[in-house]
Each structure stands twice: as structure tokens, then as C-alpha cells.
Amino acid sequence: MGNALDPLLVAVLLINFFSLGASRLRAVINGAAVQGIVLGGMVLLVHEQLSLRPMLVAGAAILLKGFVIPAMLMRAMRAAAIRREVEPLVGFIPSLLLGAAATGLSLVFAKTLPLAEQHRGLLLIPASLSTVLTGFLVLTTRRKAIMQVVGYLILENGIFILGLSLLEAMPFLVEIGVLLDLFVCVFVLGIMIHHISREFSSLDTGHLTALKE
């Protein structure tokens, strides 16, 4: 399993760095979509025997993370007539440096955890922690609400990767819970995007400070 998963996890980490360094919203959304498709494929690799349930979960993950949600974000981007993140709270180069530091710390911290024998030496846990931290960085350092939604998607992808290590213990809870959580939260953030754009003709979340009675 490790030999098959590690290249995909490296691809996930590369997409993390791409998301931190890119300013164009379309490119970042496409990166998150590719990451979602990769995670869907990882579900099939984690299961020793292919059955209907992992195939359905993989299909749902690929459909939601790779196509449905990115399509919604692309539509919101076109409706709001924005193309790029112009003034992030933290610049793109510092974001990349913070992402590199987060990845290094994730690798070090994962070695201190009491992992199961089959998970030792794999990139599964470090990639999970690094992806969660990357999503948090995008979520907290970008001004555009659409970019923040993408940050949340990346954060959820990190949780999804972590869930792959728990499939044997709690398979149904992990698989369905993560997908449902992702689906509901994106709809909530979509409503927020709609209201910001309608009230201010802008998706800069700095305008939220003006929402007073």
C-alpha cells in the first residue's frame, strides 16, 4: 500500500504549495479539484479488497471534491467577476515559506506519534497534517471569500487523508462523515459568498466588519 500511496501523497503536497503560491482563483480551484480526484483514488488503494462501499465512497469523493464543488466555485467566481487574490494578508512568498515550515514540522511530529505498524514510515500522517495546516493558512491569510472556501476544502482534504488511517477501525463513520461535513460547510460558505457579493459588490471579507445593526 505504501508504495502506491506515497506518490499520490507527494502530489497532494505539491498541490498544497501550488495553492499557497498562486494568485489566480481559477488555478487554485483547479488545483483543489485535482487534489480531490487524487484523494478519491487513494480510497481504493487503502482498501485491501475492492467492494461496493469503497467504490461508492471513492466515486462520491471524486464527484464532489473534483467536479461539483469546483464547478460551484467557478460559477461564483464568474458571477462576482473576480480573477485573482490581489492583496492577501500574508504575501505569496511568505506563505510558501510557512507552508514549507509546516510540512517539515509535520514530518517531525508524525515520527513522535504512536502509529500502527502498517502506518510507520508512510507519508499518510505527515501529508495529512501538512494539508490541514496548508488549508488553515489559505483560510486565514486570503481576503477573497472564494479563496477562503478553497482553503477550507484543502483543510478538509487533510482531514480526509487522516481518516484513511482509521478506515479499519471506523470505516463507515469516517467515510460518510467527512463527505457530509464537506458538503454542508461548502453550502454554508456559498451562502456567505452570495450575501457579501450582493451587499458590497465585492468578495473581500474585510467588509464583514461593516455588518452592523
Protein backbone atom coordinates (compact mmCIF):
# COMPACT_ATOMS: atom_id res chain seq x y z
CA MET A 1 0.00 0.00 0.00
CA GLY A 2 2.78 2.41 0.92
CA ASN A 3 4.49 2.14 -2.47
CA ALA A 4 1.23 3.02 -4.20
CA LEU A 5 0.11 5.78 -1.84
CA ASP A 6 3.35 7.73 -1.42
CA PRO A 7 3.49 9.14 -5.00
CA LEU A 8 -0.12 10.31 -4.66
CA LEU A 9 0.65 11.90 -1.29
CA VAL A 10 3.64 13.70 -2.82
CA ALA A 11 1.27 15.03 -5.49
CA VAL A 12 -1.06 16.25 -2.72
CA LEU A 13 1.84 18.09 -1.05
CA LEU A 14 2.87 19.70 -4.35
CA ILE A 15 -0.68 20.94 -4.87
CA ASN A 16 -0.55 22.42 -1.36
CA PHE A 17 2.48 24.51 -2.31
CA PHE A 18 0.85 25.48 -5.60
CA SER A 19 -2.23 26.72 -3.72
CA LEU A 20 -0.09 28.83 -1.40
CA GLY A 21 1.88 30.42 -4.24
CA ALA A 22 -0.82 31.00 -6.86
CA SER A 23 -2.84 34.21 -7.07
CA ARG A 24 -5.29 33.27 -9.83
CA LEU A 25 -8.52 31.90 -8.38
CA ARG A 26 -9.19 29.61 -11.33
CA ALA A 27 -5.79 27.94 -10.96
CA VAL A 28 -6.24 27.42 -7.22
CA ILE A 29 -9.74 25.98 -7.69
CA ASN A 30 -8.45 23.61 -10.38
CA GLY A 31 -5.63 22.55 -8.03
CA ALA A 32 -8.13 21.74 -5.28
CA ALA A 33 -10.20 19.77 -7.81
CA VAL A 34 -7.19 17.69 -8.85
CA GLN A 35 -6.38 17.11 -5.18
CA GLY A 36 -9.93 15.85 -4.60
CA ILE A 37 -9.66 13.41 -7.50
CA VAL A 38 -6.35 12.10 -6.17
CA LEU A 39 -7.89 11.54 -2.73
CA GLY A 40 -10.77 9.64 -4.27
CA GLY A 41 -8.28 7.31 -5.93
CA MET A 42 -6.47 6.83 -2.62
CA VAL A 43 -9.64 5.40 -1.07
CA LEU A 44 -9.45 2.47 -3.49
CA LEU A 45 -5.76 1.89 -2.75
CA VAL A 46 -6.23 1.83 1.03
CA HIS A 47 -8.80 -0.96 0.94
CA GLU A 48 -7.20 -4.36 0.59
CA GLN A 49 -10.26 -5.75 -1.16
CA LEU A 50 -12.41 -3.74 -3.52
CA SER A 51 -16.08 -3.86 -2.63
CA LEU A 52 -19.14 -1.78 -3.37
CA ARG A 53 -18.73 0.58 -0.38
CA PRO A 54 -15.19 1.83 -1.05
CA MET A 55 -16.03 2.22 -4.73
CA LEU A 56 -19.10 4.30 -3.86
CA VAL A 57 -17.13 6.44 -1.40
CA ALA A 58 -14.32 6.94 -3.92
CA GLY A 59 -16.84 7.88 -6.60
CA ALA A 60 -18.62 10.30 -4.27
CA ALA A 61 -15.32 11.90 -3.22
CA ILE A 62 -14.21 12.34 -6.84
CA LEU A 63 -17.61 13.70 -7.89
CA LEU A 64 -17.98 16.16 -5.00
CA LYS A 65 -14.37 17.24 -4.45
CA GLY A 66 -13.24 17.03 -8.06
CA PHE A 67 -16.22 18.30 -10.03
CA VAL A 68 -19.35 19.52 -8.20
CA ILE A 69 -17.79 21.86 -5.64
CA PRO A 70 -15.14 23.30 -8.02
CA ALA A 71 -17.90 23.93 -10.57
CA MET A 72 -19.87 25.83 -7.91
CA LEU A 73 -16.82 27.91 -7.05
CA MET A 74 -16.10 28.65 -10.72
CA ARG A 75 -19.69 29.82 -11.14
CA ALA A 76 -19.41 32.06 -8.07
CA MET A 77 -16.13 33.46 -9.38
CA ARG A 78 -17.67 34.33 -12.75
CA ALA A 79 -20.76 35.86 -11.11
CA ALA A 80 -18.59 38.06 -8.89
CA ALA A 81 -16.31 38.99 -11.82
CA ILE A 82 -13.06 38.40 -9.93
CA ARG A 83 -9.99 36.61 -11.20
CA ARG A 84 -7.22 36.75 -8.60
CA GLU A 85 -6.28 37.34 -4.97
CA VAL A 86 -4.74 40.81 -5.12
CA GLU A 87 -3.88 41.72 -1.54
CA PRO A 88 -3.52 38.68 0.74
CA LEU A 89 -2.90 39.29 4.42
CA VAL A 90 0.34 37.31 4.06
CA GLY A 91 2.25 37.52 0.77
CA PHE A 92 2.67 34.57 -1.54
CA ILE A 93 6.39 34.07 -0.88
CA PRO A 94 5.98 34.17 2.92
CA SER A 95 3.02 31.80 2.52
CA LEU A 96 5.24 29.34 0.66
CA LEU A 97 7.87 29.59 3.39
CA LEU A 98 5.24 28.99 6.08
CA GLY A 99 3.93 26.03 4.08
CA ALA A 100 7.43 24.56 3.84
CA ALA A 101 7.90 25.02 7.60
CA ALA A 102 4.52 23.38 8.27
CA THR A 103 5.45 20.41 6.08
CA GLY A 104 8.79 19.99 7.84
CA LEU A 105 7.16 20.17 11.28
CA SER A 106 4.54 17.66 10.17
CA LEU A 107 7.23 15.18 9.17
CA VAL A 108 8.99 15.61 12.51
CA PHE A 109 5.81 15.48 14.60
CA ALA A 110 4.48 12.38 12.82
CA LYS A 111 7.57 10.43 13.94
CA THR A 112 6.67 11.07 17.59
CA LEU A 113 3.15 9.66 17.29
CA PRO A 114 2.33 6.08 18.42
CA LEU A 115 1.25 4.90 14.99
CA ALA A 116 0.15 1.44 13.96
CA GLU A 117 2.89 -0.71 12.47
CA GLN A 118 1.47 -0.53 8.94
CA HIS A 119 1.46 3.28 9.02
CA ARG A 120 5.02 3.82 10.19
CA GLY A 121 7.34 5.16 7.54
CA LEU A 122 4.45 6.24 5.31
CA LEU A 123 3.64 9.78 4.26
CA LEU A 124 -0.01 9.34 5.23
CA ILE A 125 0.08 11.14 8.58
CA PRO A 126 2.66 13.83 7.65
CA ALA A 127 0.74 14.62 4.45
CA SER A 128 -2.48 14.84 6.43
CA LEU A 129 -1.05 17.28 8.98
CA SER A 130 0.67 19.35 6.30
CA THR A 131 -2.53 19.60 4.23
CA VAL A 132 -4.58 20.66 7.26
CA LEU A 133 -2.03 23.40 8.06
CA THR A 134 -1.92 24.49 4.41
CA GLY A 135 -5.70 24.80 4.32
CA PHE A 136 -5.60 26.79 7.55
CA LEU A 137 -3.01 29.14 6.06
CA VAL A 138 -5.09 29.76 2.94
CA LEU A 139 -8.24 30.15 5.02
CA THR A 140 -6.74 32.75 7.36
CA THR A 141 -4.40 34.71 5.09
CA ARG A 142 -6.55 35.32 2.00
CA ARG A 143 -9.09 38.12 1.71
CA LYS A 144 -11.35 36.79 -1.04
CA ALA A 145 -14.18 34.63 0.28
CA ILE A 146 -13.87 32.19 -2.62
CA MET A 147 -10.20 31.67 -1.82
CA GLN A 148 -11.15 31.06 1.81
CA VAL A 149 -13.63 28.40 0.70
CA VAL A 150 -10.80 26.73 -1.23
CA GLY A 151 -8.70 26.91 1.94
CA TYR A 152 -11.45 25.11 3.80
CA LEU A 153 -11.60 22.45 1.07
CA ILE A 154 -7.85 21.87 1.40
CA LEU A 155 -8.19 21.65 5.18
CA GLU A 156 -10.97 19.09 4.75
CA ASN A 157 -8.77 17.14 2.35
CA GLY A 158 -6.18 16.88 5.12
CA ILE A 159 -8.82 15.51 7.48
CA PHE A 160 -9.88 13.10 4.74
CA ILE A 161 -6.31 11.80 4.44
CA LEU A 162 -6.14 11.31 8.20
CA GLY A 163 -9.39 9.40 8.02
CA LEU A 164 -7.80 6.93 5.62
CA SER A 165 -5.67 5.67 8.51
CA LEU A 166 -8.83 4.95 10.54
CA LEU A 167 -10.78 3.06 7.92
CA GLU A 168 -10.26 -0.30 9.57
CA ALA A 169 -11.41 0.95 12.99
CA MET A 170 -14.32 3.22 11.98
CA PRO A 171 -14.85 2.86 8.23
CA PHE A 172 -18.45 3.98 7.81
CA LEU A 173 -18.19 6.90 10.26
CA VAL A 174 -15.04 8.28 8.69
CA GLU A 175 -16.03 7.86 5.07
CA ILE A 176 -19.54 9.25 5.24
CA GLY A 177 -18.93 11.82 7.98
CA VAL A 178 -16.15 13.63 6.15
CA LEU A 179 -18.09 13.83 2.90
CA LEU A 180 -21.25 15.08 4.62
CA ASP A 181 -19.31 17.66 6.62
CA LEU A 182 -17.63 18.93 3.48
CA PHE A 183 -20.86 19.13 1.52
CA VAL A 184 -22.78 21.04 4.21
CA CYS A 185 -20.00 23.50 5.01
CA VAL A 186 -19.44 24.44 1.38
CA PHE A 187 -23.13 25.27 1.05
CA VAL A 188 -22.93 27.46 4.16
CA LEU A 189 -19.86 29.27 2.81
CA GLY A 190 -21.61 29.60 -0.54
CA ILE A 191 -24.45 31.48 1.14
CA MET A 192 -21.91 33.77 2.80
CA ILE A 193 -20.27 34.49 -0.57
CA HIS A 194 -23.65 35.35 -2.07
CA HIS A 195 -24.53 37.82 0.67
CA ILE A 196 -21.12 39.53 0.66
CA SER A 197 -21.26 39.97 -3.11
CA ARG A 198 -24.86 41.24 -3.02
CA GLU A 199 -24.32 43.77 -0.25
CA PHE A 200 -20.89 45.11 -1.19
CA SER A 201 -20.33 44.12 -4.84
CA SER A 202 -17.07 42.62 -3.56
CA LEU A 203 -15.84 39.36 -2.07
CA ASP A 204 -13.28 40.99 0.21
CA THR A 205 -14.10 39.60 3.66
CA GLY A 206 -12.68 42.75 5.24
CA HIS A 207 -16.08 44.29 4.53
CA LEU A 208 -17.63 41.97 7.13
CA THR A 209 -16.57 44.49 9.78
CA ALA A 210 -19.20 46.83 8.34
CA LEU A 211 -22.06 44.39 9.00
CA LYS A 212 -23.60 46.16 12.00
CA GLU A 213 -27.18 46.75 13.06
